[in-house]
Amino acid sequence: MTPADFTPASHPAADDDPATAAAKAKEASRLMALKMVVITLGVILVALLVVVFATLAIRAFRGSKPDAAALAPPPALPGEARPARPPVQAALPPGYRLVSTTLGDGRLAVTADGPDGALVILFDNRTMAEIGRIRVSQDK
């Protein structure tokens, strides 16, 4: 036997020490617990990635549509007639004429053209309340 073959780990007397054996057992149990934590976190990570990609795929193919129940007015009570929504009136300044209307992004845009330039009136799509006016004019 050469001196290189003789190491404390390969020496039979090194395994007989109870403190060393207990330390090795404790180390092995810690490594086993760490391995279980890593495996569990890996499984959770893969599951979350599947959820994210599935959600992206569903929204890409179906599109994200607003919930119809959120846009619908509240149901009428039994025996109660639903009142009609009152008409919305927006006064255009004198000399302006209606050019177009556009509906999108939860807003109704009414565009009018007049002597001072264009005027865009914005309404909320659900409540039909006026939420803003934009004047577009050319500087001369």
C-alpha atoms as a PDB file:
ATOM      1  CA  MET A   1       0.000   0.000   0.000  1.00  0.00           C
ATOM      2  CA  THR A   2       1.340   3.413  -0.925  1.00  0.00           C
ATOM      3  CA  PRO A   3       0.961   6.581   1.164  1.00  0.00           C
ATOM      4  CA  ALA A   4      -1.321   8.061  -1.527  1.00  0.00           C
ATOM      5  CA  ASP A   5      -3.824   5.240  -0.968  1.00  0.00           C
ATOM      6  CA  PHE A   6      -4.027   6.004   2.726  1.00  0.00           C
ATOM      7  CA  THR A   7      -6.544   8.821   3.300  1.00  0.00           C
ATOM      8  CA  PRO A   8      -8.606   9.483   6.423  1.00  0.00           C
ATOM      9  CA  ALA A   9     -11.828   8.700   4.542  1.00  0.00           C
ATOM     10  CA  SER A  10     -10.555   5.318   3.385  1.00  0.00           C
ATOM     11  CA  HIS A  11      -9.125   4.432   6.764  1.00  0.00           C
ATOM     12  CA  PRO A  12     -11.369   1.889   8.499  1.00  0.00           C
ATOM     13  CA  ALA A  13     -10.897   3.521  11.894  1.00  0.00           C
ATOM     14  CA  ALA A  14     -12.339   6.855  10.624  1.00  0.00           C
ATOM     15  CA  ASP A  15     -15.837   5.332  10.269  1.00  0.00           C
ATOM     16  CA  ASP A  16     -15.818   4.011  13.813  1.00  0.00           C
ATOM     17  CA  ASP A  17     -16.090   7.474  15.384  1.00  0.00           C
ATOM     18  CA  PRO A  18     -19.751   7.995  16.519  1.00  0.00           C
ATOM     19  CA  ALA A  19     -19.532  11.795  16.163  1.00  0.00           C
ATOM     20  CA  THR A  20     -18.424  11.475  12.554  1.00  0.00           C
ATOM     21  CA  ALA A  21     -21.158   8.963  11.773  1.00  0.00           C
ATOM     22  CA  ALA A  22     -23.789  11.231  13.353  1.00  0.00           C
ATOM     23  CA  ALA A  23     -22.481  14.230  11.409  1.00  0.00           C
ATOM     24  CA  LYS A  24     -22.613  12.244   8.172  1.00  0.00           C
ATOM     25  CA  ALA A  25     -26.177  11.124   8.890  1.00  0.00           C
ATOM     26  CA  LYS A  26     -27.224  14.687   9.683  1.00  0.00           C
ATOM     27  CA  GLU A  27     -25.546  15.929   6.490  1.00  0.00           C
ATOM     28  CA  ALA A  28     -27.296  13.231   4.449  1.00  0.00           C
ATOM     29  CA  SER A  29     -30.706  14.163   5.880  1.00  0.00           C
ATOM     30  CA  ARG A  30     -30.075  17.857   5.139  1.00  0.00           C
ATOM     31  CA  LEU A  31     -29.103  17.037   1.569  1.00  0.00           C
ATOM     32  CA  MET A  32     -32.221  14.887   1.168  1.00  0.00           C
ATOM     33  CA  ALA A  33     -34.420  17.721   2.502  1.00  0.00           C
ATOM     34  CA  LEU A  34     -32.707  20.229   0.210  1.00  0.00           C
ATOM     35  CA  LYS A  35     -33.193  17.913  -2.754  1.00  0.00           C
ATOM     36  CA  MET A  36     -36.924  17.613  -1.966  1.00  0.00           C
ATOM     37  CA  VAL A  37     -37.277  21.408  -1.712  1.00  0.00           C
ATOM     38  CA  VAL A  38     -35.525  21.900  -5.057  1.00  0.00           C
ATOM     39  CA  ILE A  39     -37.693  19.263  -6.756  1.00  0.00           C
ATOM     40  CA  THR A  40     -40.888  20.752  -5.292  1.00  0.00           C
ATOM     41  CA  LEU A  41     -39.980  24.282  -6.372  1.00  0.00           C
ATOM     42  CA  GLY A  42     -39.095  22.997  -9.839  1.00  0.00           C
ATOM     43  CA  VAL A  43     -42.495  21.334 -10.193  1.00  0.00           C
ATOM     44  CA  ILE A  44     -44.243  24.522  -9.030  1.00  0.00           C
ATOM     45  CA  LEU A  45     -42.229  26.610 -11.508  1.00  0.00           C
ATOM     46  CA  VAL A  46     -43.128  24.312 -14.398  1.00  0.00           C
ATOM     47  CA  ALA A  47     -46.815  24.361 -13.405  1.00  0.00           C
ATOM     48  CA  LEU A  48     -46.855  28.165 -13.272  1.00  0.00           C
ATOM     49  CA  LEU A  49     -45.169  28.399 -16.664  1.00  0.00           C
ATOM     50  CA  VAL A  50     -47.823  26.092 -18.114  1.00  0.00           C
ATOM     51  CA  VAL A  51     -50.560  28.326 -16.670  1.00  0.00           C
ATOM     52  CA  VAL A  52     -48.966  31.495 -18.085  1.00  0.00           C
ATOM     53  CA  PHE A  53     -48.462  30.069 -21.570  1.00  0.00           C
ATOM     54  CA  ALA A  54     -51.935  28.514 -21.622  1.00  0.00           C
ATOM     55  CA  THR A  55     -53.465  31.865 -20.670  1.00  0.00           C
ATOM     56  CA  LEU A  56     -51.494  33.632 -23.400  1.00  0.00           C
ATOM     57  CA  ALA A  57     -52.535  31.039 -25.976  1.00  0.00           C
ATOM     58  CA  ILE A  58     -56.199  31.229 -24.998  1.00  0.00           C
ATOM     59  CA  ARG A  59     -56.213  35.026 -25.174  1.00  0.00           C
ATOM     60  CA  ALA A  60     -54.363  34.997 -28.492  1.00  0.00           C
ATOM     61  CA  PHE A  61     -56.857  32.653 -30.141  1.00  0.00           C
ATOM     62  CA  ARG A  62     -60.090  33.788 -28.489  1.00  0.00           C
ATOM     63  CA  GLY A  63     -59.211  37.369 -27.680  1.00  0.00           C
ATOM     64  CA  SER A  64     -59.996  39.020 -24.388  1.00  0.00           C
ATOM     65  CA  LYS A  65     -63.612  40.112 -24.453  1.00  0.00           C
ATOM     66  CA  PRO A  66     -65.173  42.205 -21.705  1.00  0.00           C
ATOM     67  CA  ASP A  67     -67.566  40.370 -19.441  1.00  0.00           C
ATOM     68  CA  ALA A  68     -71.115  40.821 -20.768  1.00  0.00           C
ATOM     69  CA  ALA A  69     -72.513  40.801 -17.233  1.00  0.00           C
ATOM     70  CA  ALA A  70     -70.324  43.772 -16.311  1.00  0.00           C
ATOM     71  CA  LEU A  71     -71.586  45.801 -19.274  1.00  0.00           C
ATOM     72  CA  ALA A  72     -75.266  44.922 -18.883  1.00  0.00           C
ATOM     73  CA  PRO A  73     -77.525  47.137 -16.794  1.00  0.00           C
ATOM     74  CA  PRO A  74     -78.786  45.664 -13.519  1.00  0.00           C
ATOM     75  CA  PRO A  75     -81.852  43.420 -13.901  1.00  0.00           C
ATOM     76  CA  ALA A  76     -85.276  44.910 -13.259  1.00  0.00           C
ATOM     77  CA  LEU A  77     -87.273  43.744 -10.266  1.00  0.00           C
ATOM     78  CA  PRO A  78     -90.179  41.364 -10.982  1.00  0.00           C
ATOM     79  CA  GLY A  79     -93.206  43.316 -12.170  1.00  0.00           C
ATOM     80  CA  GLU A  80     -91.165  46.471 -12.692  1.00  0.00           C
ATOM     81  CA  ALA A  81     -90.832  47.960 -16.152  1.00  0.00           C
ATOM     82  CA  ARG A  82     -87.332  48.968 -17.126  1.00  0.00           C
ATOM     83  CA  PRO A  83     -87.247  52.687 -17.837  1.00  0.00           C
ATOM     84  CA  ALA A  84     -85.816  53.681 -21.181  1.00  0.00           C
ATOM     85  CA  ARG A  85     -82.499  55.485 -21.100  1.00  0.00           C
ATOM     86  CA  PRO A  86     -83.098  59.191 -21.641  1.00  0.00           C
ATOM     87  CA  PRO A  87     -81.698  60.558 -24.895  1.00  0.00           C
ATOM     88  CA  VAL A  88     -78.305  62.228 -24.716  1.00  0.00           C
ATOM     89  CA  GLN A  89     -78.039  65.726 -26.124  1.00  0.00           C
ATOM     90  CA  ALA A  90     -74.810  67.483 -26.932  1.00  0.00           C
ATOM     91  CA  ALA A  91     -74.958  71.016 -28.226  1.00  0.00           C
ATOM     92  CA  LEU A  92     -72.593  71.833 -31.056  1.00  0.00           C
ATOM     93  CA  PRO A  93     -71.279  75.384 -31.238  1.00  0.00           C
ATOM     94  CA  PRO A  94     -72.882  77.591 -33.928  1.00  0.00           C
ATOM     95  CA  GLY A  95     -71.489  76.937 -37.404  1.00  0.00           C
ATOM     96  CA  TYR A  96     -70.352  73.364 -36.659  1.00  0.00           C
ATOM     97  CA  ARG A  97     -71.652  70.336 -38.559  1.00  0.00           C
ATOM     98  CA  LEU A  98     -71.473  66.682 -37.594  1.00  0.00           C
ATOM     99  CA  VAL A  99     -68.792  64.816 -39.564  1.00  0.00           C
ATOM    100  CA  SER A 100     -68.513  61.349 -37.994  1.00  0.00           C
ATOM    101  CA  THR A 101     -69.008  59.157 -34.964  1.00  0.00           C
ATOM    102  CA  THR A 102     -66.639  56.445 -33.786  1.00  0.00           C
ATOM    103  CA  LEU A 103     -67.206  53.798 -31.130  1.00  0.00           C
ATOM    104  CA  GLY A 104     -64.266  52.074 -29.461  1.00  0.00           C
ATOM    105  CA  ASP A 105     -62.356  51.509 -26.231  1.00  0.00           C
ATOM    106  CA  GLY A 106     -65.438  52.157 -24.115  1.00  0.00           C
ATOM    107  CA  ARG A 107     -65.921  55.606 -25.618  1.00  0.00           C
ATOM    108  CA  LEU A 108     -68.071  57.223 -28.282  1.00  0.00           C
ATOM    109  CA  ALA A 109     -66.302  59.981 -30.213  1.00  0.00           C
ATOM    110  CA  VAL A 110     -68.458  62.500 -32.084  1.00  0.00           C
ATOM    111  CA  THR A 111     -66.491  64.626 -34.553  1.00  0.00           C
ATOM    112  CA  ALA A 112     -67.784  67.958 -35.824  1.00  0.00           C
ATOM    113  CA  ASP A 113     -66.213  70.436 -38.246  1.00  0.00           C
ATOM    114  CA  GLY A 114     -66.617  74.188 -38.015  1.00  0.00           C
ATOM    115  CA  PRO A 115     -65.086  77.569 -38.803  1.00  0.00           C
ATOM    116  CA  ASP A 116     -62.573  77.340 -35.920  1.00  0.00           C
ATOM    117  CA  GLY A 117     -61.446  73.783 -36.771  1.00  0.00           C
ATOM    118  CA  ALA A 118     -62.596  70.349 -35.683  1.00  0.00           C
ATOM    119  CA  LEU A 119     -64.267  69.460 -32.398  1.00  0.00           C
ATOM    120  CA  VAL A 120     -64.285  65.948 -30.914  1.00  0.00           C
ATOM    121  CA  ILE A 121     -66.755  65.246 -28.097  1.00  0.00           C
ATOM    122  CA  LEU A 122     -66.068  62.086 -26.063  1.00  0.00           C
ATOM    123  CA  PHE A 123     -68.817  60.135 -24.276  1.00  0.00           C
ATOM    124  CA  ASP A 124     -68.539  57.178 -21.901  1.00  0.00           C
ATOM    125  CA  ASN A 125     -70.016  54.158 -23.694  1.00  0.00           C
ATOM    126  CA  ARG A 126     -71.867  52.785 -20.652  1.00  0.00           C
ATOM    127  CA  THR A 127     -73.274  55.914 -19.051  1.00  0.00           C
ATOM    128  CA  MET A 128     -73.312  58.152 -22.147  1.00  0.00           C
ATOM    129  CA  ALA A 129     -71.983  60.983 -19.989  1.00  0.00           C
ATOM    130  CA  GLU A 130     -69.761  63.508 -21.738  1.00  0.00           C
ATOM    131  CA  ILE A 131     -66.193  62.944 -20.563  1.00  0.00           C
ATOM    132  CA  GLY A 132     -64.305  65.483 -22.623  1.00  0.00           C
ATOM    133  CA  ARG A 133     -63.990  67.779 -25.602  1.00  0.00           C
ATOM    134  CA  ILE A 134     -61.003  68.190 -27.884  1.00  0.00           C
ATOM    135  CA  ARG A 135     -60.619  71.179 -30.187  1.00  0.00           C
ATOM    136  CA  VAL A 136     -58.340  70.805 -33.180  1.00  0.00           C
ATOM    137  CA  SER A 137     -57.475  74.014 -35.003  1.00  0.00           C
ATOM    138  CA  GLN A 138     -54.915  75.127 -37.529  1.00  0.00           C
ATOM    139  CA  ASP A 139     -52.593  77.912 -36.491  1.00  0.00           C
ATOM    140  CA  LYS A 140     -52.391  80.579 -39.179  1.00  0.00           C
END
